[in-house]
């Protein structure tokens, strides 16, 4: 979460911006898998909807329940990602495909610099069987992609300890395991994180799954609208840069999206007039994000922002 102090000086006609970046919790907006046990209960969505978390204190400190419906594990219900089904699923709905063919992919609403993954391993206590820690993941490869279509880059393999389901159903027993990505390449712009499962605690041919997954990081495509020259101020110089781009073509901006003062996508006299009206005559401020750094829309990304404004670095 970024916080900004905004000071308006009437004499200098300037809005000065400053910022401090702090990593915050990232909840994926979507998750896709190769397979799931399903039956309307044990589904991929359970990994990101918080249904099994205790709800007490910070997310990273919460425990997860040992109820099977609060997590996901593989099965004979086909998922959105191809592969992973057991050959005999058509005859046996309780079959389980190979562990190393199971994939879970987490999708964010925007791109983030991810510094940590929080994973609650699968920790079911089955009333008819007892504790089943073997359904938890032992080793997986973490991969990241900057968009919904770009290829993945591997961040390496990660190990998870076996789950702690306890000795009674209905308990909150499993703590998050924190996996750092801070020292690895490829985490600056992340839109998708893929877990390619490699090994489960019960072996290569059993069910395998996870209870809950979250991430920590900061938005990577953030900017302040109006700061056309990316110097940390919204002032006359930004208006001049905008006019030069629109009418003379002799100036460039390190963040063209920030020059789009009103969010219209146009660099024209109307956009420039609105900027100067804001500075000189108390007109409406720039369109969001302003005065705090915020995420880009698809239109902003199309305009481009090669260098983040100083306030958003």
C-alpha atoms as a PDB file:
ATOM      1  CA  UNK A   1       0.000   0.000   0.000  1.00  0.00           C
ATOM      2  CA  UNK A   2       1.453   3.384  -0.959  1.00  0.00           C
ATOM      3  CA  UNK A   3       0.802   6.539   1.044  1.00  0.00           C
ATOM      4  CA  UNK A   4       1.348  10.075  -0.212  1.00  0.00           C
ATOM      5  CA  UNK A   5       1.575  13.521   1.280  1.00  0.00           C
ATOM      6  CA  UNK A   6       0.170  16.231  -0.957  1.00  0.00           C
ATOM      7  CA  UNK A   7       1.062  19.879  -0.550  1.00  0.00           C
ATOM      8  CA  UNK A   8      -0.458  22.548  -2.797  1.00  0.00           C
ATOM      9  CA  UNK A   9       1.476  25.813  -3.163  1.00  0.00           C
ATOM     10  CA  UNK A  10      -0.626  28.520  -4.803  1.00  0.00           C
ATOM     11  CA  UNK A  11       2.381  30.650  -5.686  1.00  0.00           C
ATOM     12  CA  UNK A  12       4.279  27.920  -7.459  1.00  0.00           C
ATOM     13  CA  UNK A  13       1.176  26.234  -8.869  1.00  0.00           C
ATOM     14  CA  UNK A  14       2.550  22.827  -7.945  1.00  0.00           C
ATOM     15  CA  UNK A  15       1.326  19.625  -6.330  1.00  0.00           C
ATOM     16  CA  UNK A  16       4.277  17.851  -4.716  1.00  0.00           C
ATOM     17  CA  UNK A  17       4.103  14.077  -4.279  1.00  0.00           C
ATOM     18  CA  UNK A  18       6.090  11.657  -2.138  1.00  0.00           C
ATOM     19  CA  UNK A  19       5.638   7.993  -1.358  1.00  0.00           C
ATOM     20  CA  UNK A  20       6.769   4.999   0.672  1.00  0.00           C
ATOM     21  CA  UNK A  21       6.112   1.517  -0.662  1.00  0.00           C
ATOM     22  CA  UNK A  22       4.958  -1.177   1.761  1.00  0.00           C
ATOM     23  CA  UNK A  23       4.248  -4.773   0.804  1.00  0.00           C
ATOM     24  CA  UNK A  24       0.653  -5.789   1.388  1.00  0.00           C
ATOM     25  CA  UNK A  25      -1.388  -8.969   1.168  1.00  0.00           C
ATOM     26  CA  UNK A  26      -2.460  -9.990  -2.345  1.00  0.00           C
ATOM     27  CA  UNK A  27      -5.514 -12.192  -2.720  1.00  0.00           C
ATOM     28  CA  UNK A  28      -5.765 -13.780  -6.183  1.00  0.00           C
ATOM     29  CA  UNK A  29      -8.980 -12.957  -8.010  1.00  0.00           C
ATOM     30  CA  UNK A  30      -9.060 -16.288  -9.828  1.00  0.00           C
ATOM     31  CA  UNK A  31      -7.534 -19.748  -9.569  1.00  0.00           C
ATOM     32  CA  UNK A  32      -7.393 -22.479 -12.202  1.00  0.00           C
ATOM     33  CA  UNK A  33      -6.314 -26.103 -11.844  1.00  0.00           C
ATOM     34  CA  UNK A  34      -5.805 -29.207 -13.946  1.00  0.00           C
ATOM     35  CA  UNK A  35      -8.184 -31.341 -11.874  1.00  0.00           C
ATOM     36  CA  UNK A  36     -10.226 -31.210  -8.690  1.00  0.00           C
ATOM     37  CA  UNK A  37     -12.114 -33.727  -6.601  1.00  0.00           C
ATOM     38  CA  UNK A  38     -15.105 -31.470  -7.108  1.00  0.00           C
ATOM     39  CA  UNK A  39     -18.609 -32.737  -6.469  1.00  0.00           C
ATOM     40  CA  UNK A  40     -19.432 -29.069  -5.877  1.00  0.00           C
ATOM     41  CA  UNK A  41     -17.439 -29.043  -2.647  1.00  0.00           C
ATOM     42  CA  UNK A  42     -13.682 -29.669  -2.870  1.00  0.00           C
ATOM     43  CA  UNK A  43     -12.895 -27.145  -5.595  1.00  0.00           C
ATOM     44  CA  UNK A  44     -10.078 -24.824  -6.636  1.00  0.00           C
ATOM     45  CA  UNK A  45     -11.924 -21.687  -5.457  1.00  0.00           C
ATOM     46  CA  UNK A  46     -11.497 -22.890  -1.872  1.00  0.00           C
ATOM     47  CA  UNK A  47      -7.784 -21.990  -2.093  1.00  0.00           C
ATOM     48  CA  UNK A  48      -8.470 -18.262  -2.403  1.00  0.00           C
ATOM     49  CA  UNK A  49     -11.849 -17.558  -0.794  1.00  0.00           C
ATOM     50  CA  UNK A  50     -10.700 -17.710   2.821  1.00  0.00           C
ATOM     51  CA  UNK A  51     -13.414 -20.207   3.744  1.00  0.00           C
ATOM     52  CA  UNK A  52     -11.118 -22.199   6.039  1.00  0.00           C
ATOM     53  CA  UNK A  53      -9.140 -19.390   7.665  1.00  0.00           C
ATOM     54  CA  UNK A  54      -9.753 -18.648  11.324  1.00  0.00           C
ATOM     55  CA  UNK A  55     -10.395 -14.936  10.682  1.00  0.00           C
ATOM     56  CA  UNK A  56      -8.414 -13.841  13.713  1.00  0.00           C
ATOM     57  CA  UNK A  57      -5.627 -11.268  13.362  1.00  0.00           C
ATOM     58  CA  UNK A  58      -3.371 -10.718  10.351  1.00  0.00           C
ATOM     59  CA  UNK A  59      -3.894 -13.148   7.479  1.00  0.00           C
ATOM     60  CA  UNK A  60      -0.369 -14.550   7.740  1.00  0.00           C
ATOM     61  CA  UNK A  61      -0.998 -15.474  11.392  1.00  0.00           C
ATOM     62  CA  UNK A  62      -4.340 -17.211  10.865  1.00  0.00           C
ATOM     63  CA  UNK A  63      -4.817 -20.960  11.104  1.00  0.00           C
ATOM     64  CA  UNK A  64      -6.691 -23.065   8.580  1.00  0.00           C
ATOM     65  CA  UNK A  65      -9.408 -25.575   9.354  1.00  0.00           C
ATOM     66  CA  UNK A  66      -9.016 -29.306   8.779  1.00  0.00           C
ATOM     67  CA  UNK A  67     -12.379 -29.579   6.991  1.00  0.00           C
ATOM     68  CA  UNK A  68     -12.014 -31.121   3.515  1.00  0.00           C
ATOM     69  CA  UNK A  69     -14.466 -28.699   1.864  1.00  0.00           C
ATOM     70  CA  UNK A  70     -12.283 -25.738   2.876  1.00  0.00           C
ATOM     71  CA  UNK A  71      -9.455 -26.825   0.574  1.00  0.00           C
ATOM     72  CA  UNK A  72      -8.669 -28.294  -2.826  1.00  0.00           C
ATOM     73  CA  UNK A  73      -7.214 -31.586  -3.918  1.00  0.00           C
ATOM     74  CA  UNK A  74      -6.907 -33.373  -7.248  1.00  0.00           C
ATOM     75  CA  UNK A  75      -9.492 -35.748  -8.616  1.00  0.00           C
ATOM     76  CA  UNK A  76     -11.550 -36.737 -11.636  1.00  0.00           C
ATOM     77  CA  UNK A  77     -13.254 -33.411 -12.316  1.00  0.00           C
ATOM     78  CA  UNK A  78     -11.517 -31.699 -15.225  1.00  0.00           C
ATOM     79  CA  UNK A  79     -10.236 -28.181 -14.598  1.00  0.00           C
ATOM     80  CA  UNK A  80      -9.476 -25.183 -16.818  1.00  0.00           C
ATOM     81  CA  UNK A  81      -5.847 -26.265 -17.375  1.00  0.00           C
ATOM     82  CA  UNK A  82      -5.317 -29.325 -19.549  1.00  0.00           C
ATOM     83  CA  UNK A  83      -3.900 -32.541 -18.117  1.00  0.00           C
ATOM     84  CA  UNK A  84      -3.691 -34.330 -14.807  1.00  0.00           C
ATOM     85  CA  UNK A  85      -6.616 -36.754 -15.113  1.00  0.00           C
ATOM     86  CA  UNK A  86      -6.216 -40.418 -14.215  1.00  0.00           C
ATOM     87  CA  UNK A  87      -6.743 -42.809 -17.173  1.00  0.00           C
ATOM     88  CA  UNK A  88      -9.534 -44.638 -15.347  1.00  0.00           C
ATOM     89  CA  UNK A  89     -11.531 -41.560 -14.268  1.00  0.00           C
ATOM     90  CA  UNK A  90     -14.345 -42.529 -16.635  1.00  0.00           C
ATOM     91  CA  UNK A  91     -14.905 -45.756 -14.714  1.00  0.00           C
ATOM     92  CA  UNK A  92     -13.912 -44.621 -11.220  1.00  0.00           C
ATOM     93  CA  UNK A  93     -14.751 -41.111 -10.008  1.00  0.00           C
ATOM     94  CA  UNK A  94     -12.473 -41.634  -7.006  1.00  0.00           C
ATOM     95  CA  UNK A  95      -9.346 -42.166  -9.092  1.00  0.00           C
ATOM     96  CA  UNK A  96      -6.397 -39.768  -8.754  1.00  0.00           C
ATOM     97  CA  UNK A  97      -4.061 -38.657 -11.513  1.00  0.00           C
ATOM     98  CA  UNK A  98      -0.252 -38.375 -11.204  1.00  0.00           C
ATOM     99  CA  UNK A  99       0.855 -35.775  -8.664  1.00  0.00           C
ATOM    100  CA  UNK A 100       3.469 -34.338 -11.022  1.00  0.00           C
ATOM    101  CA  UNK A 101       0.793 -33.518 -13.603  1.00  0.00           C
ATOM    102  CA  UNK A 102      -1.251 -31.348 -11.256  1.00  0.00           C
ATOM    103  CA  UNK A 103      -1.130 -27.553 -11.650  1.00  0.00           C
ATOM    104  CA  UNK A 104      -2.663 -24.702  -9.679  1.00  0.00           C
ATOM    105  CA  UNK A 105      -2.513 -21.230 -11.236  1.00  0.00           C
ATOM    106  CA  UNK A 106      -3.303 -18.023  -9.341  1.00  0.00           C
ATOM    107  CA  UNK A 107      -4.352 -14.905 -11.254  1.00  0.00           C
ATOM    108  CA  UNK A 108      -4.170 -11.310  -9.962  1.00  0.00           C
ATOM    109  CA  UNK A 109      -6.304  -8.344 -10.989  1.00  0.00           C
ATOM    110  CA  UNK A 110      -3.159  -6.391 -11.860  1.00  0.00           C
ATOM    111  CA  UNK A 111       0.617  -6.893 -11.958  1.00  0.00           C
ATOM    112  CA  UNK A 112       2.547  -7.012  -8.704  1.00  0.00           C
ATOM    113  CA  UNK A 113       6.086  -7.279  -7.424  1.00  0.00           C
ATOM    114  CA  UNK A 114       5.676 -10.468  -5.400  1.00  0.00           C
ATOM    115  CA  UNK A 115       8.048 -10.947  -2.480  1.00  0.00           C
ATOM    116  CA  UNK A 116       6.454 -13.831  -0.600  1.00  0.00           C
ATOM    117  CA  UNK A 117       3.964 -16.651  -0.964  1.00  0.00           C
ATOM    118  CA  UNK A 118       1.876 -17.838   1.989  1.00  0.00           C
ATOM    119  CA  UNK A 119       0.746 -21.438   1.650  1.00  0.00           C
ATOM    120  CA  UNK A 120      -1.460 -23.425   4.002  1.00  0.00           C
ATOM    121  CA  UNK A 121      -0.861 -27.088   3.139  1.00  0.00           C
ATOM    122  CA  UNK A 122      -3.779 -29.492   2.813  1.00  0.00           C
ATOM    123  CA  UNK A 123      -4.654 -30.662   6.338  1.00  0.00           C
ATOM    124  CA  UNK A 124      -7.837 -32.741   6.234  1.00  0.00           C
ATOM    125  CA  UNK A 125      -9.082 -34.788   9.167  1.00  0.00           C
ATOM    126  CA  UNK A 126     -11.567 -37.297   7.786  1.00  0.00           C
ATOM    127  CA  UNK A 127     -14.038 -38.587  10.353  1.00  0.00           C
ATOM    128  CA  UNK A 128     -14.033 -42.052   8.799  1.00  0.00           C
ATOM    129  CA  UNK A 129     -10.292 -42.297   8.173  1.00  0.00           C
ATOM    130  CA  UNK A 130      -8.540 -39.961  10.600  1.00  0.00           C
ATOM    131  CA  UNK A 131      -5.808 -37.423   9.813  1.00  0.00           C
ATOM    132  CA  UNK A 132      -4.662 -37.325   6.166  1.00  0.00           C
ATOM    133  CA  UNK A 133      -1.497 -35.170   6.041  1.00  0.00           C
ATOM    134  CA  UNK A 134      -0.272 -37.125   3.012  1.00  0.00           C
ATOM    135  CA  UNK A 135      -2.598 -35.190   0.701  1.00  0.00           C
ATOM    136  CA  UNK A 136      -0.484 -32.105   1.220  1.00  0.00           C
ATOM    137  CA  UNK A 137       2.110 -30.905  -1.309  1.00  0.00           C
ATOM    138  CA  UNK A 138       5.747 -31.753  -0.576  1.00  0.00           C
ATOM    139  CA  UNK A 139       7.551 -30.071  -3.507  1.00  0.00           C
ATOM    140  CA  UNK A 140       6.424 -27.761  -6.284  1.00  0.00           C
ATOM    141  CA  UNK A 141       7.910 -25.458  -8.886  1.00  0.00           C
ATOM    142  CA  UNK A 142       6.777 -21.823  -8.760  1.00  0.00           C
ATOM    143  CA  UNK A 143       6.508 -19.992 -12.077  1.00  0.00           C
ATOM    144  CA  UNK A 144       5.406 -16.431 -12.858  1.00  0.00           C
ATOM    145  CA  UNK A 145       4.066 -14.574 -15.891  1.00  0.00           C
ATOM    146  CA  UNK A 146       3.637 -10.798 -16.401  1.00  0.00           C
ATOM    147  CA  UNK A 147       0.324 -11.167 -18.246  1.00  0.00           C
ATOM    148  CA  UNK A 148      -2.538 -13.511 -19.030  1.00  0.00           C
ATOM    149  CA  UNK A 149      -0.793 -14.694 -22.204  1.00  0.00           C
ATOM    150  CA  UNK A 150       2.998 -14.380 -21.777  1.00  0.00           C
ATOM    151  CA  UNK A 151       5.156 -17.420 -21.081  1.00  0.00           C
ATOM    152  CA  UNK A 152       6.102 -18.402 -17.533  1.00  0.00           C
ATOM    153  CA  UNK A 153       9.490 -17.938 -15.888  1.00  0.00           C
ATOM    154  CA  UNK A 154      10.551 -20.412 -13.217  1.00  0.00           C
ATOM    155  CA  UNK A 155      11.472 -19.167  -9.735  1.00  0.00           C
ATOM    156  CA  UNK A 156      12.724 -22.617  -8.741  1.00  0.00           C
ATOM    157  CA  UNK A 157      11.438 -25.434  -6.571  1.00  0.00           C
ATOM    158  CA  UNK A 158       9.946 -24.964  -3.103  1.00  0.00           C
ATOM    159  CA  UNK A 159       9.323 -27.474  -0.317  1.00  0.00           C
ATOM    160  CA  UNK A 160       6.402 -27.567   2.100  1.00  0.00           C
ATOM    161  CA  UNK A 161       6.274 -29.333   5.429  1.00  0.00           C
ATOM    162  CA  UNK A 162       3.551 -31.923   5.941  1.00  0.00           C
ATOM    163  CA  UNK A 163       0.278 -30.564   7.276  1.00  0.00           C
ATOM    164  CA  UNK A 164      -0.921 -30.819  10.855  1.00  0.00           C
ATOM    165  CA  UNK A 165      -4.551 -31.987  10.719  1.00  0.00           C
ATOM    166  CA  UNK A 166      -4.793 -32.746  14.442  1.00  0.00           C
ATOM    167  CA  UNK A 167      -6.782 -35.563  15.999  1.00  0.00           C
ATOM    168  CA  UNK A 168     -10.313 -34.237  15.726  1.00  0.00           C
ATOM    169  CA  UNK A 169     -12.465 -32.905  12.901  1.00  0.00           C
ATOM    170  CA  UNK A 170     -13.476 -29.252  12.741  1.00  0.00           C
ATOM    171  CA  UNK A 171     -10.329 -27.755  14.279  1.00  0.00           C
ATOM    172  CA  UNK A 172      -8.146 -24.871  13.058  1.00  0.00           C
ATOM    173  CA  UNK A 173      -4.781 -26.589  12.922  1.00  0.00           C
ATOM    174  CA  UNK A 174      -2.651 -25.503   9.961  1.00  0.00           C
ATOM    175  CA  UNK A 175      -0.338 -22.459   9.999  1.00  0.00           C
ATOM    176  CA  UNK A 176       0.846 -20.647   6.874  1.00  0.00           C
ATOM    177  CA  UNK A 177       4.228 -21.533   5.447  1.00  0.00           C
ATOM    178  CA  UNK A 178       6.038 -18.443   4.103  1.00  0.00           C
ATOM    179  CA  UNK A 179       8.073 -18.853   0.915  1.00  0.00           C
ATOM    180  CA  UNK A 180      10.279 -15.920  -0.010  1.00  0.00           C
ATOM    181  CA  UNK A 181      10.747 -14.841  -3.627  1.00  0.00           C
ATOM    182  CA  UNK A 182      12.608 -11.618  -2.809  1.00  0.00           C
ATOM    183  CA  UNK A 183      16.030 -12.831  -3.996  1.00  0.00           C
ATOM    184  CA  UNK A 184      14.785 -14.402  -7.221  1.00  0.00           C
ATOM    185  CA  UNK A 185      14.501 -12.948 -10.703  1.00  0.00           C
ATOM    186  CA  UNK A 186      11.213 -12.491 -12.497  1.00  0.00           C
ATOM    187  CA  UNK A 187       9.079 -11.142  -9.656  1.00  0.00           C
ATOM    188  CA  UNK A 188       8.910  -7.459 -10.686  1.00  0.00           C
ATOM    189  CA  UNK A 189       5.817  -7.729 -12.906  1.00  0.00           C
ATOM    190  CA  UNK A 190       3.639 -10.683 -11.984  1.00  0.00           C
ATOM    191  CA  UNK A 191       0.054 -11.230 -13.145  1.00  0.00           C
ATOM    192  CA  UNK A 192      -0.049 -15.022 -12.794  1.00  0.00           C
ATOM    193  CA  UNK A 193       1.672 -17.441 -10.430  1.00  0.00           C
ATOM    194  CA  UNK A 194       1.677 -21.126 -11.330  1.00  0.00           C
ATOM    195  CA  UNK A 195       2.391 -23.973  -8.919  1.00  0.00           C
ATOM    196  CA  UNK A 196       3.547 -27.030 -10.876  1.00  0.00           C
ATOM    197  CA  UNK A 197       3.229 -29.792  -8.310  1.00  0.00           C
ATOM    198  CA  UNK A 198       6.138 -32.244  -8.278  1.00  0.00           C
ATOM    199  CA  UNK A 199       5.664 -34.449  -5.224  1.00  0.00           C
ATOM    200  CA  UNK A 200       3.092 -35.080  -2.537  1.00  0.00           C
ATOM    201  CA  UNK A 201       3.768 -36.290   0.974  1.00  0.00           C
ATOM    202  CA  UNK A 202       1.864 -39.536   0.279  1.00  0.00           C
ATOM    203  CA  UNK A 203       3.634 -40.423  -2.959  1.00  0.00           C
ATOM    204  CA  UNK A 204       3.230 -40.031  -6.716  1.00  0.00           C
ATOM    205  CA  UNK A 205      -0.252 -41.510  -7.225  1.00  0.00           C
ATOM    206  CA  UNK A 206      -2.385 -40.259  -4.337  1.00  0.00           C
ATOM    207  CA  UNK A 207      -4.633 -37.231  -4.074  1.00  0.00           C
ATOM    208  CA  UNK A 208      -2.684 -34.003  -3.586  1.00  0.00           C
ATOM    209  CA  UNK A 209      -3.830 -30.509  -2.721  1.00  0.00           C
ATOM    210  CA  UNK A 210      -3.563 -27.232  -0.837  1.00  0.00           C
ATOM    211  CA  UNK A 211      -5.819 -25.490   1.650  1.00  0.00           C
ATOM    212  CA  UNK A 212      -5.211 -21.755   1.045  1.00  0.00           C
ATOM    213  CA  UNK A 213      -2.753 -19.515  -0.824  1.00  0.00           C
ATOM    214  CA  UNK A 214      -1.958 -15.796  -0.514  1.00  0.00           C
ATOM    215  CA  UNK A 215       0.900 -13.559  -1.623  1.00  0.00           C
ATOM    216  CA  UNK A 216       2.673 -10.448  -0.355  1.00  0.00           C
ATOM    217  CA  UNK A 217       3.845  -7.702  -2.682  1.00  0.00           C
ATOM    218  CA  UNK A 218       3.343  -4.229  -4.100  1.00  0.00           C
ATOM    219  CA  UNK A 219       1.616  -3.096  -7.306  1.00  0.00           C
ATOM    220  CA  UNK A 220       4.215  -2.837 -10.070  1.00  0.00           C
ATOM    221  CA  UNK A 221       2.283  -0.793 -12.627  1.00  0.00           C
ATOM    222  CA  UNK A 222       1.439   2.193 -10.474  1.00  0.00           C
ATOM    223  CA  UNK A 223       1.632   5.851 -11.389  1.00  0.00           C
ATOM    224  CA  UNK A 224       0.229   9.283 -10.509  1.00  0.00           C
ATOM    225  CA  UNK A 225      -1.818  10.894 -13.245  1.00  0.00           C
ATOM    226  CA  UNK A 226      -0.726  14.414 -14.171  1.00  0.00           C
ATOM    227  CA  UNK A 227       2.993  13.947 -13.483  1.00  0.00           C
ATOM    228  CA  UNK A 228       3.788  14.013 -17.192  1.00  0.00           C
ATOM    229  CA  UNK A 229       7.541  14.465 -16.812  1.00  0.00           C
ATOM    230  CA  UNK A 230       7.767  12.017 -13.868  1.00  0.00           C
ATOM    231  CA  UNK A 231       9.657  14.413 -11.581  1.00  0.00           C
ATOM    232  CA  UNK A 232       7.432  13.999  -8.529  1.00  0.00           C
ATOM    233  CA  UNK A 233       5.445  17.232  -9.016  1.00  0.00           C
ATOM    234  CA  UNK A 234       2.315  18.140 -10.922  1.00  0.00           C
ATOM    235  CA  UNK A 235       3.033  21.663 -12.129  1.00  0.00           C
ATOM    236  CA  UNK A 236       3.412  23.965 -15.125  1.00  0.00           C
ATOM    237  CA  UNK A 237       6.284  21.896 -16.504  1.00  0.00           C
ATOM    238  CA  UNK A 238       3.910  18.966 -16.962  1.00  0.00           C
ATOM    239  CA  UNK A 239       1.516  21.164 -18.917  1.00  0.00           C
ATOM    240  CA  UNK A 240       4.310  22.373 -21.151  1.00  0.00           C
ATOM    241  CA  UNK A 241       5.482  18.800 -21.761  1.00  0.00           C
ATOM    242  CA  UNK A 242       1.932  17.777 -22.626  1.00  0.00           C
ATOM    243  CA  UNK A 243       1.500  20.671 -25.084  1.00  0.00           C
ATOM    244  CA  UNK A 244       4.840  19.872 -26.680  1.00  0.00           C
ATOM    245  CA  UNK A 245       3.886  16.219 -27.162  1.00  0.00           C
ATOM    246  CA  UNK A 246       0.425  17.084 -28.503  1.00  0.00           C
ATOM    247  CA  UNK A 247       1.295  19.892 -30.900  1.00  0.00           C
ATOM    248  CA  UNK A 248       5.027  19.940 -31.644  1.00  0.00           C
ATOM    249  CA  UNK A 249       6.105  16.359 -31.207  1.00  0.00           C
ATOM    250  CA  UNK A 250       9.519  17.447 -29.966  1.00  0.00           C
ATOM    251  CA  UNK A 251       9.148  16.208 -26.385  1.00  0.00           C
ATOM    252  CA  UNK A 252       8.750  12.736 -24.941  1.00  0.00           C
ATOM    253  CA  UNK A 253       7.497  11.513 -21.602  1.00  0.00           C
ATOM    254  CA  UNK A 254       8.918   8.652 -19.534  1.00  0.00           C
ATOM    255  CA  UNK A 255       5.305   7.869 -18.581  1.00  0.00           C
ATOM    256  CA  UNK A 256       2.814   8.813 -21.292  1.00  0.00           C
ATOM    257  CA  UNK A 257      -0.037   7.374 -19.218  1.00  0.00           C
ATOM    258  CA  UNK A 258       0.621  10.076 -16.608  1.00  0.00           C
ATOM    259  CA  UNK A 259       0.260  12.761 -19.294  1.00  0.00           C
ATOM    260  CA  UNK A 260      -3.322  11.641 -19.867  1.00  0.00           C
ATOM    261  CA  UNK A 261      -4.592  14.150 -17.287  1.00  0.00           C
ATOM    262  CA  UNK A 262      -8.300  13.449 -17.667  1.00  0.00           C
ATOM    263  CA  UNK A 263      -8.086   9.742 -18.490  1.00  0.00           C
ATOM    264  CA  UNK A 264      -9.563  10.303 -21.960  1.00  0.00           C
ATOM    265  CA  UNK A 265      -6.689   8.651 -23.800  1.00  0.00           C
ATOM    266  CA  UNK A 266      -6.186  11.809 -25.896  1.00  0.00           C
ATOM    267  CA  UNK A 267      -3.295  14.248 -25.978  1.00  0.00           C
ATOM    268  CA  UNK A 268      -5.088  17.367 -27.179  1.00  0.00           C
ATOM    269  CA  UNK A 269      -5.912  20.938 -26.245  1.00  0.00           C
ATOM    270  CA  UNK A 270      -8.795  19.856 -24.005  1.00  0.00           C
ATOM    271  CA  UNK A 271      -6.481  17.684 -21.920  1.00  0.00           C
ATOM    272  CA  UNK A 272      -3.963  20.512 -21.584  1.00  0.00           C
ATOM    273  CA  UNK A 273      -6.637  23.069 -20.695  1.00  0.00           C
ATOM    274  CA  UNK A 274      -7.913  20.821 -17.913  1.00  0.00           C
ATOM    275  CA  UNK A 275      -4.421  20.484 -16.473  1.00  0.00           C
ATOM    276  CA  UNK A 276      -3.821  24.246 -16.448  1.00  0.00           C
ATOM    277  CA  UNK A 277      -7.325  24.908 -15.089  1.00  0.00           C
ATOM    278  CA  UNK A 278      -6.535  22.599 -12.185  1.00  0.00           C
ATOM    279  CA  UNK A 279      -3.253  24.377 -11.484  1.00  0.00           C
ATOM    280  CA  UNK A 280      -4.415  27.980 -11.945  1.00  0.00           C
ATOM    281  CA  UNK A 281      -8.160  28.152 -11.396  1.00  0.00           C
ATOM    282  CA  UNK A 282      -9.075  25.437  -8.908  1.00  0.00           C
ATOM    283  CA  UNK A 283     -10.482  23.138 -11.571  1.00  0.00           C
ATOM    284  CA  UNK A 284     -11.057  19.412 -11.101  1.00  0.00           C
ATOM    285  CA  UNK A 285      -7.956  17.360 -10.226  1.00  0.00           C
ATOM    286  CA  UNK A 286      -6.537  14.681 -12.515  1.00  0.00           C
ATOM    287  CA  UNK A 287      -8.532  11.509 -12.992  1.00  0.00           C
ATOM    288  CA  UNK A 288      -7.615   8.634 -10.691  1.00  0.00           C
ATOM    289  CA  UNK A 289      -5.062   7.647  -9.656  1.00  0.00           C
ATOM    290  CA  UNK A 290      -4.349  10.955  -7.922  1.00  0.00           C
ATOM    291  CA  UNK A 291      -2.927  12.090  -5.527  1.00  0.00           C
ATOM    292  CA  UNK A 292      -1.918   8.557  -4.482  1.00  0.00           C
ATOM    293  CA  UNK A 293      -0.239   6.119  -6.837  1.00  0.00           C
ATOM    294  CA  UNK A 294      -2.633   3.567  -8.242  1.00  0.00           C
ATOM    295  CA  UNK A 295      -2.963   0.802 -10.780  1.00  0.00           C
ATOM    296  CA  UNK A 296      -3.151   1.345 -14.513  1.00  0.00           C
ATOM    297  CA  UNK A 297      -6.146   0.546 -16.665  1.00  0.00           C
ATOM    298  CA  UNK A 298      -5.699  -1.309 -19.951  1.00  0.00           C
ATOM    299  CA  UNK A 299      -5.900   2.075 -21.676  1.00  0.00           C
ATOM    300  CA  UNK A 300      -3.077   3.415 -19.509  1.00  0.00           C
ATOM    301  CA  UNK A 301      -0.920   0.402 -20.322  1.00  0.00           C
ATOM    302  CA  UNK A 302      -1.536   0.979 -24.025  1.00  0.00           C
ATOM    303  CA  UNK A 303      -0.176   4.521 -23.653  1.00  0.00           C
ATOM    304  CA  UNK A 304       2.857   3.170 -21.820  1.00  0.00           C
ATOM    305  CA  UNK A 305       4.928   4.056 -18.754  1.00  0.00           C
ATOM    306  CA  UNK A 306       8.538   3.021 -19.233  1.00  0.00           C
ATOM    307  CA  UNK A 307       9.696   4.862 -16.108  1.00  0.00           C
ATOM    308  CA  UNK A 308       7.451   5.062 -13.069  1.00  0.00           C
ATOM    309  CA  UNK A 309       6.973   8.588 -11.719  1.00  0.00           C
ATOM    310  CA  UNK A 310       9.372   9.438  -8.925  1.00  0.00           C
ATOM    311  CA  UNK A 311       6.566   9.350  -6.365  1.00  0.00           C
ATOM    312  CA  UNK A 312       5.782   5.724  -7.221  1.00  0.00           C
ATOM    313  CA  UNK A 313       9.296   4.275  -7.098  1.00  0.00           C
END
